[in-house]
Amino acid sequence: MKLKELFLTVLLGFINRTKAVEIIDTKVSTLEKECYGTNMGFSISGGPEFHYESIRRRYKDCTYVQGNLEITNLNSGNMTYDLSFLATIRVVTGYVLLGLLQVETIPLTSLRLIRADNTMTLKGEEYGLIVALTSEGSDGKQSVGLRELHLPVLSEITRGKVYFGQNPLLCHVDTIAWDAIVSGKENPVTFAKDAFSKDCPHCPMVCTDKNGIPRCWGAKEHLCQQVRTPECHTICPGRCFESGLLGCCHPECAIGCYGPFVTDCFMCKYFRSFDKCVSKCPENTYPLGQDCIEF
């Protein structure tokens, strides 16, 4: 009997320890789910089904993409593509490439920051966001392809410009204030041949900015572009919270701030350690997405 009681005690202790580990892991995973991007450009590996499934598995539930986000070669007429798994992504540290697609919408509805630590080079220019070759048809008439790019909370592309080309069905990207997203560049966006459609529904009335200009990512009210960036002084290294010499955000901030200090950022450019934005995590911590987690 005593041996049986000892066995039960050991077993219960093991179960409790296992449960404790599971609780800790679950708590950490709610902060960020980090996934690794790709560096394939427009290349494809495997058949259409394998390619789509590999993309879906890679980015399902992901919030933080370490590297490039490349969504390409989804153009099989025999498949239906569900890209709703992209809606959780908040940060991409590399570039974003969207191309060779037969989908009507790209739902990157949570993406706030494209840091573009590495950019894609086209014709001598560096780009952090590239949208190209997104429609297909016959006899020169495109009937299938990308119509709306849903990026309603995108606030910053840190490095590189924006490129659109060969997207004859794509709407509304010409209404976006790209200089508010790509700061510090004189010509932040390149509209190449057939960059977008000129036959689009109007932006909703609620999407009109303070100057009376309609700005939206789609025809529905929740797809208005949110522009809150004040006009920054040229001395500012990035964003600002007000005009003038003293209105600059700290260089560790991304997308904006409400004051000049490293604790005043709306979002960190790299990592957050307690209440401060930092370029690397301090000792006795490890990075998980943008969070520095204590050992």
Protein backbone atom coordinates (compact mmCIF):
# COMPACT_ATOMS: atom_id res chain seq x y z
CA MET A 1 0.00 0.00 0.00
CA LYS A 2 2.76 2.40 0.86
CA LEU A 3 4.47 1.65 -2.46
CA LYS A 4 1.24 2.39 -4.31
CA GLU A 5 0.79 5.68 -2.44
CA LEU A 6 4.37 6.67 -3.27
CA PHE A 7 3.77 5.90 -6.96
CA LEU A 8 0.60 8.03 -7.01
CA THR A 9 2.41 10.91 -5.30
CA VAL A 10 5.22 10.86 -7.87
CA LEU A 11 2.73 10.61 -10.75
CA LEU A 12 0.65 13.54 -9.49
CA GLY A 13 3.79 15.63 -9.03
CA PHE A 14 4.85 14.90 -12.61
CA ILE A 15 1.40 15.84 -13.95
CA ASN A 16 1.39 19.11 -11.98
CA ARG A 17 4.84 20.03 -13.26
CA THR A 18 3.75 19.25 -16.83
CA LYS A 19 0.69 21.45 -16.46
CA ALA A 20 2.80 24.26 -15.07
CA VAL A 21 5.08 24.14 -18.10
CA GLU A 22 2.08 24.21 -20.43
CA ILE A 23 0.67 27.30 -18.69
CA ILE A 24 3.97 29.16 -18.98
CA ASP A 25 4.30 28.27 -22.68
CA THR A 26 0.74 29.39 -23.37
CA LYS A 27 1.33 32.71 -21.61
CA VAL A 28 4.46 33.41 -23.65
CA SER A 29 2.83 32.43 -26.94
CA THR A 30 0.07 35.01 -26.41
CA LEU A 31 2.70 37.77 -26.67
CA GLU A 32 3.95 36.98 -30.16
CA LYS A 33 4.11 34.06 -32.52
CA GLU A 34 7.29 34.41 -34.53
CA CYS A 35 7.70 32.79 -37.93
CA TYR A 36 10.41 32.89 -40.55
CA GLY A 37 9.92 34.41 -43.98
CA THR A 38 11.40 33.41 -47.33
CA ASN A 39 13.86 34.70 -49.90
CA MET A 40 12.58 33.13 -53.11
CA GLY A 41 11.26 36.13 -55.04
CA PHE A 42 8.90 34.88 -57.76
CA SER A 43 10.32 31.34 -57.70
CA ILE A 44 8.14 28.37 -56.74
CA SER A 45 8.93 25.02 -55.17
CA GLY A 46 6.61 22.08 -55.84
CA GLY A 47 3.14 22.03 -57.36
CA PRO A 48 0.32 24.57 -56.78
CA GLU A 49 -1.28 22.71 -53.85
CA PHE A 50 2.02 22.06 -52.10
CA HIS A 51 3.07 25.70 -52.58
CA TYR A 52 -0.17 27.11 -51.13
CA GLU A 53 -0.13 24.70 -48.18
CA SER A 54 3.48 25.57 -47.36
CA ILE A 55 2.57 29.27 -47.27
CA ARG A 56 -0.50 28.61 -45.13
CA ARG A 57 1.40 26.44 -42.63
CA ARG A 58 4.25 28.95 -42.42
CA TYR A 59 2.09 31.97 -41.57
CA LYS A 60 -0.95 30.52 -39.78
CA ASP A 61 -1.40 32.39 -36.45
CA CYS A 62 1.87 34.28 -37.07
CA THR A 63 2.16 37.81 -35.69
CA TYR A 64 5.84 38.58 -36.35
CA VAL A 65 7.57 37.65 -39.61
CA GLN A 66 11.34 37.42 -39.26
CA GLY A 67 12.49 38.12 -42.83
CA ASN A 68 10.52 38.67 -46.03
CA LEU A 69 6.81 38.07 -46.52
CA GLU A 70 6.47 36.68 -50.06
CA ILE A 71 2.96 35.74 -51.22
CA THR A 72 3.41 34.70 -54.85
CA ASN A 73 2.40 32.11 -57.46
CA LEU A 74 -1.14 31.59 -56.21
CA ASN A 75 -2.51 31.48 -59.74
CA SER A 76 -3.84 28.00 -60.40
CA GLY A 77 -7.27 28.13 -62.02
CA ASN A 78 -8.12 24.80 -60.38
CA MET A 79 -7.76 26.06 -56.80
CA THR A 80 -9.57 28.39 -54.42
CA TYR A 81 -7.23 30.31 -52.13
CA ASP A 82 -8.19 31.28 -48.57
CA LEU A 83 -5.69 33.87 -47.30
CA SER A 84 -7.48 34.75 -44.06
CA PHE A 85 -4.47 33.36 -42.13
CA LEU A 86 -2.55 36.53 -43.09
CA ALA A 87 -4.79 38.70 -40.90
CA THR A 88 -2.77 38.13 -37.71
CA ILE A 89 0.57 39.47 -39.00
CA ARG A 90 1.61 42.72 -37.27
CA VAL A 91 5.29 43.14 -38.17
CA VAL A 92 7.49 42.11 -41.12
CA THR A 93 11.22 42.71 -40.64
CA GLY A 94 12.07 42.29 -44.35
CA TYR A 95 10.22 43.31 -47.50
CA VAL A 96 6.70 42.35 -48.59
CA LEU A 97 6.28 40.89 -52.10
CA LEU A 98 2.84 40.19 -53.57
CA GLY A 99 2.69 38.88 -57.13
CA LEU A 100 1.49 36.30 -59.66
CA LEU A 101 -1.85 36.05 -57.89
CA GLN A 102 -5.39 35.03 -58.75
CA VAL A 103 -7.03 36.27 -55.56
CA GLU A 104 -9.33 39.25 -55.17
CA THR A 105 -8.10 40.51 -51.79
CA ILE A 106 -4.99 40.31 -49.62
CA PRO A 107 -6.20 40.62 -45.98
CA LEU A 108 -3.15 42.02 -44.16
CA THR A 109 -5.53 43.80 -41.82
CA SER A 110 -3.24 43.82 -38.76
CA LEU A 111 0.05 44.74 -40.46
CA ARG A 112 1.38 47.95 -38.90
CA LEU A 113 5.11 47.91 -39.64
CA ILE A 114 7.20 46.78 -42.61
CA ARG A 115 10.72 47.36 -41.33
CA ALA A 116 12.41 46.25 -44.57
CA ASP A 117 15.80 45.50 -42.99
CA ASN A 118 16.48 43.94 -46.38
CA THR A 119 14.82 45.39 -49.49
CA MET A 120 14.14 44.16 -53.03
CA THR A 121 16.02 45.97 -55.78
CA LEU A 122 14.26 46.79 -59.05
CA LYS A 123 15.93 48.89 -61.73
CA GLY A 124 18.39 50.33 -59.23
CA GLU A 125 15.75 51.32 -56.64
CA GLU A 126 15.20 49.63 -53.30
CA TYR A 127 11.64 48.68 -52.32
CA GLY A 128 10.04 47.55 -49.08
CA LEU A 129 6.63 46.76 -50.63
CA ILE A 130 6.20 45.34 -54.13
CA VAL A 131 2.82 44.50 -55.70
CA ALA A 132 3.12 43.24 -59.29
CA LEU A 133 1.67 40.87 -61.88
CA THR A 134 -1.56 40.27 -59.98
CA SER A 135 -4.07 39.69 -62.81
CA GLU A 136 -4.57 37.13 -65.54
CA GLY A 137 -6.93 36.88 -68.48
CA SER A 138 -7.20 36.07 -72.16
CA ASP A 139 -7.15 38.13 -75.34
CA GLY A 140 -5.64 41.01 -73.38
CA LYS A 141 -8.65 41.22 -71.06
CA GLN A 142 -7.92 40.62 -67.37
CA SER A 143 -10.89 39.14 -65.54
CA VAL A 144 -9.25 37.44 -62.54
CA GLY A 145 -6.85 39.00 -60.09
CA LEU A 146 -6.19 41.27 -57.15
CA ARG A 147 -8.82 43.98 -56.66
CA GLU A 148 -8.19 45.22 -53.12
CA LEU A 149 -5.11 45.31 -50.89
CA HIS A 150 -6.32 45.51 -47.29
CA LEU A 151 -3.72 47.33 -45.18
CA PRO A 152 -5.90 49.63 -43.03
CA VAL A 153 -3.44 49.99 -40.12
CA LEU A 154 -0.15 50.06 -42.08
CA SER A 155 1.67 53.06 -40.62
CA GLU A 156 5.33 52.70 -41.57
CA ILE A 157 7.67 51.23 -44.16
CA THR A 158 11.01 52.00 -42.56
CA ARG A 159 13.31 51.39 -45.54
CA GLY A 160 12.74 51.31 -49.28
CA LYS A 161 9.95 52.63 -51.46
CA VAL A 162 6.68 51.14 -52.75
CA TYR A 163 6.22 49.60 -56.22
CA PHE A 164 3.05 48.82 -58.19
CA GLY A 165 3.08 47.36 -61.70
CA GLN A 166 0.84 45.17 -63.87
CA ASN A 167 -2.16 45.23 -61.52
CA PRO A 168 -4.94 46.25 -63.95
CA LEU A 169 -7.78 45.28 -61.57
CA LEU A 170 -6.33 46.71 -58.34
CA CYS A 171 -8.31 49.56 -56.79
CA HIS A 172 -7.71 52.41 -54.33
CA VAL A 173 -3.92 52.27 -53.93
CA ASP A 174 -3.73 55.59 -55.81
CA THR A 175 -5.80 57.23 -53.04
CA ILE A 176 -3.30 56.36 -50.29
CA ALA A 177 -1.06 59.05 -48.76
CA TRP A 178 2.14 57.05 -49.22
CA ASP A 179 4.32 59.87 -47.90
CA ALA A 180 2.69 59.32 -44.48
CA ILE A 181 3.79 55.65 -44.56
CA VAL A 182 7.21 56.04 -46.22
CA SER A 183 8.65 59.08 -44.47
CA GLY A 184 11.69 61.04 -45.58
CA LYS A 185 11.53 60.08 -49.28
CA GLU A 186 10.71 62.59 -52.02
CA ASN A 187 8.96 60.07 -54.31
CA PRO A 188 7.87 57.23 -52.04
CA VAL A 189 5.83 55.23 -54.59
CA THR A 190 6.45 54.03 -58.15
CA PHE A 191 3.37 53.48 -60.31
CA ALA A 192 4.61 51.52 -63.33
CA LYS A 193 2.54 50.38 -66.33
CA ASP A 194 -1.00 49.23 -65.38
CA ALA A 195 -0.17 49.86 -61.73
CA PHE A 196 -3.86 50.06 -60.77
CA SER A 197 -7.37 50.22 -62.19
CA LYS A 198 -9.03 53.51 -63.05
CA ASP A 199 -12.48 51.95 -62.93
CA CYS A 200 -13.10 51.61 -59.20
CA PRO A 201 -15.88 52.38 -56.71
CA HIS A 202 -15.44 55.58 -54.72
CA CYS A 203 -14.00 55.56 -51.23
CA PRO A 204 -16.68 55.79 -48.50
CA MET A 205 -17.46 59.36 -47.41
CA VAL A 206 -16.10 58.65 -43.92
CA CYS A 207 -12.67 58.05 -45.46
CA THR A 208 -12.22 61.70 -46.43
CA ASP A 209 -9.17 63.29 -44.74
CA LYS A 210 -8.92 66.77 -43.19
CA ASN A 211 -8.16 68.23 -46.62
CA GLY A 212 -11.25 66.70 -48.20
CA ILE A 213 -9.30 63.97 -50.05
CA PRO A 214 -10.75 60.43 -49.99
CA ARG A 215 -8.20 57.82 -48.81
CA CYS A 216 -9.06 54.14 -48.50
CA TRP A 217 -7.85 50.59 -49.06
CA GLY A 218 -11.28 49.33 -50.12
CA ALA A 219 -14.90 50.21 -50.64
CA LYS A 220 -16.00 49.51 -47.05
CA GLU A 221 -15.88 51.97 -44.15
CA HIS A 222 -13.47 49.92 -42.00
CA LEU A 223 -10.86 50.18 -44.77
CA CYS A 224 -10.15 53.93 -44.48
CA GLN A 225 -6.49 54.91 -44.37
CA GLN A 226 -5.62 56.24 -40.92
CA VAL A 227 -3.29 59.23 -41.31
CA ARG A 228 -2.17 60.83 -38.05
CA THR A 229 1.37 61.89 -38.86
CA PRO A 230 2.22 65.58 -38.23
CA GLU A 231 4.63 67.33 -40.58
CA CYS A 232 8.04 66.62 -39.06
CA HIS A 233 11.09 68.86 -39.00
CA THR A 234 13.87 67.74 -41.35
CA ILE A 235 16.15 67.07 -38.37
CA CYS A 236 13.89 64.25 -37.11
CA PRO A 237 15.37 60.77 -37.73
CA GLY A 238 11.94 59.22 -38.23
CA ARG A 239 8.51 60.10 -36.84
CA CYS A 240 7.43 63.03 -34.70
CA PHE A 241 4.67 63.87 -32.22
CA GLU A 242 4.53 67.55 -33.20
CA SER A 243 6.12 69.94 -35.67
CA GLY A 244 9.32 71.75 -34.74
CA LEU A 245 12.81 70.93 -33.52
CA LEU A 246 11.63 69.46 -30.21
CA GLY A 247 8.88 67.28 -31.69
CA CYS A 248 10.97 64.31 -32.88
CA CYS A 249 10.28 60.75 -31.74
CA HIS A 250 13.16 58.74 -30.32
CA PRO A 251 15.00 56.74 -33.05
CA GLU A 252 13.91 53.47 -31.40
CA CYS A 253 10.25 54.30 -32.10
CA ALA A 254 8.21 53.01 -35.02
CA ILE A 255 4.98 54.41 -36.53
CA GLY A 256 4.91 57.37 -34.11
CA CYS A 257 5.00 58.50 -30.50
CA TYR A 258 3.37 60.80 -27.96
CA GLY A 259 6.62 62.24 -26.57
CA PRO A 260 10.41 62.42 -27.11
CA PHE A 261 11.53 59.57 -24.88
CA VAL A 262 12.26 55.89 -25.51
CA THR A 263 9.26 55.07 -23.32
CA ASP A 264 6.87 57.20 -25.42
CA CYS A 265 6.71 55.05 -28.58
CA PHE A 266 3.45 53.84 -30.10
CA MET A 267 5.41 50.79 -31.23
CA CYS A 268 9.04 49.71 -31.00
CA LYS A 269 11.15 49.56 -34.13
CA TYR A 270 13.04 46.51 -32.84
CA PHE A 271 12.33 45.24 -29.31
CA ARG A 272 10.52 46.22 -26.09
CA SER A 273 12.21 45.58 -22.75
CA PHE A 274 9.74 46.32 -19.95
CA ASP A 275 8.53 49.84 -20.84
CA LYS A 276 11.47 50.83 -23.08
CA CYS A 277 12.17 50.34 -26.76
CA VAL A 278 15.67 48.95 -27.39
CA SER A 279 17.75 47.90 -30.40
CA LYS A 280 18.62 44.54 -28.77
CA CYS A 281 17.39 42.61 -25.76
CA PRO A 282 19.45 43.04 -22.55
CA GLU A 283 21.24 40.26 -20.68
CA ASN A 284 19.13 37.54 -19.06
CA THR A 285 16.38 38.01 -21.65
CA TYR A 286 15.68 36.55 -25.07
CA PRO A 287 13.68 38.01 -28.00
CA LEU A 288 10.27 36.63 -28.87
CA GLY A 289 8.95 38.71 -31.72
CA GLN A 290 9.29 42.26 -30.43
CA ASP A 291 9.25 41.31 -26.75
CA CYS A 292 12.28 40.72 -24.51
CA ILE A 293 11.36 37.78 -22.28
CA GLU A 294 13.17 37.08 -19.00
CA PHE A 295 14.80 33.68 -18.59
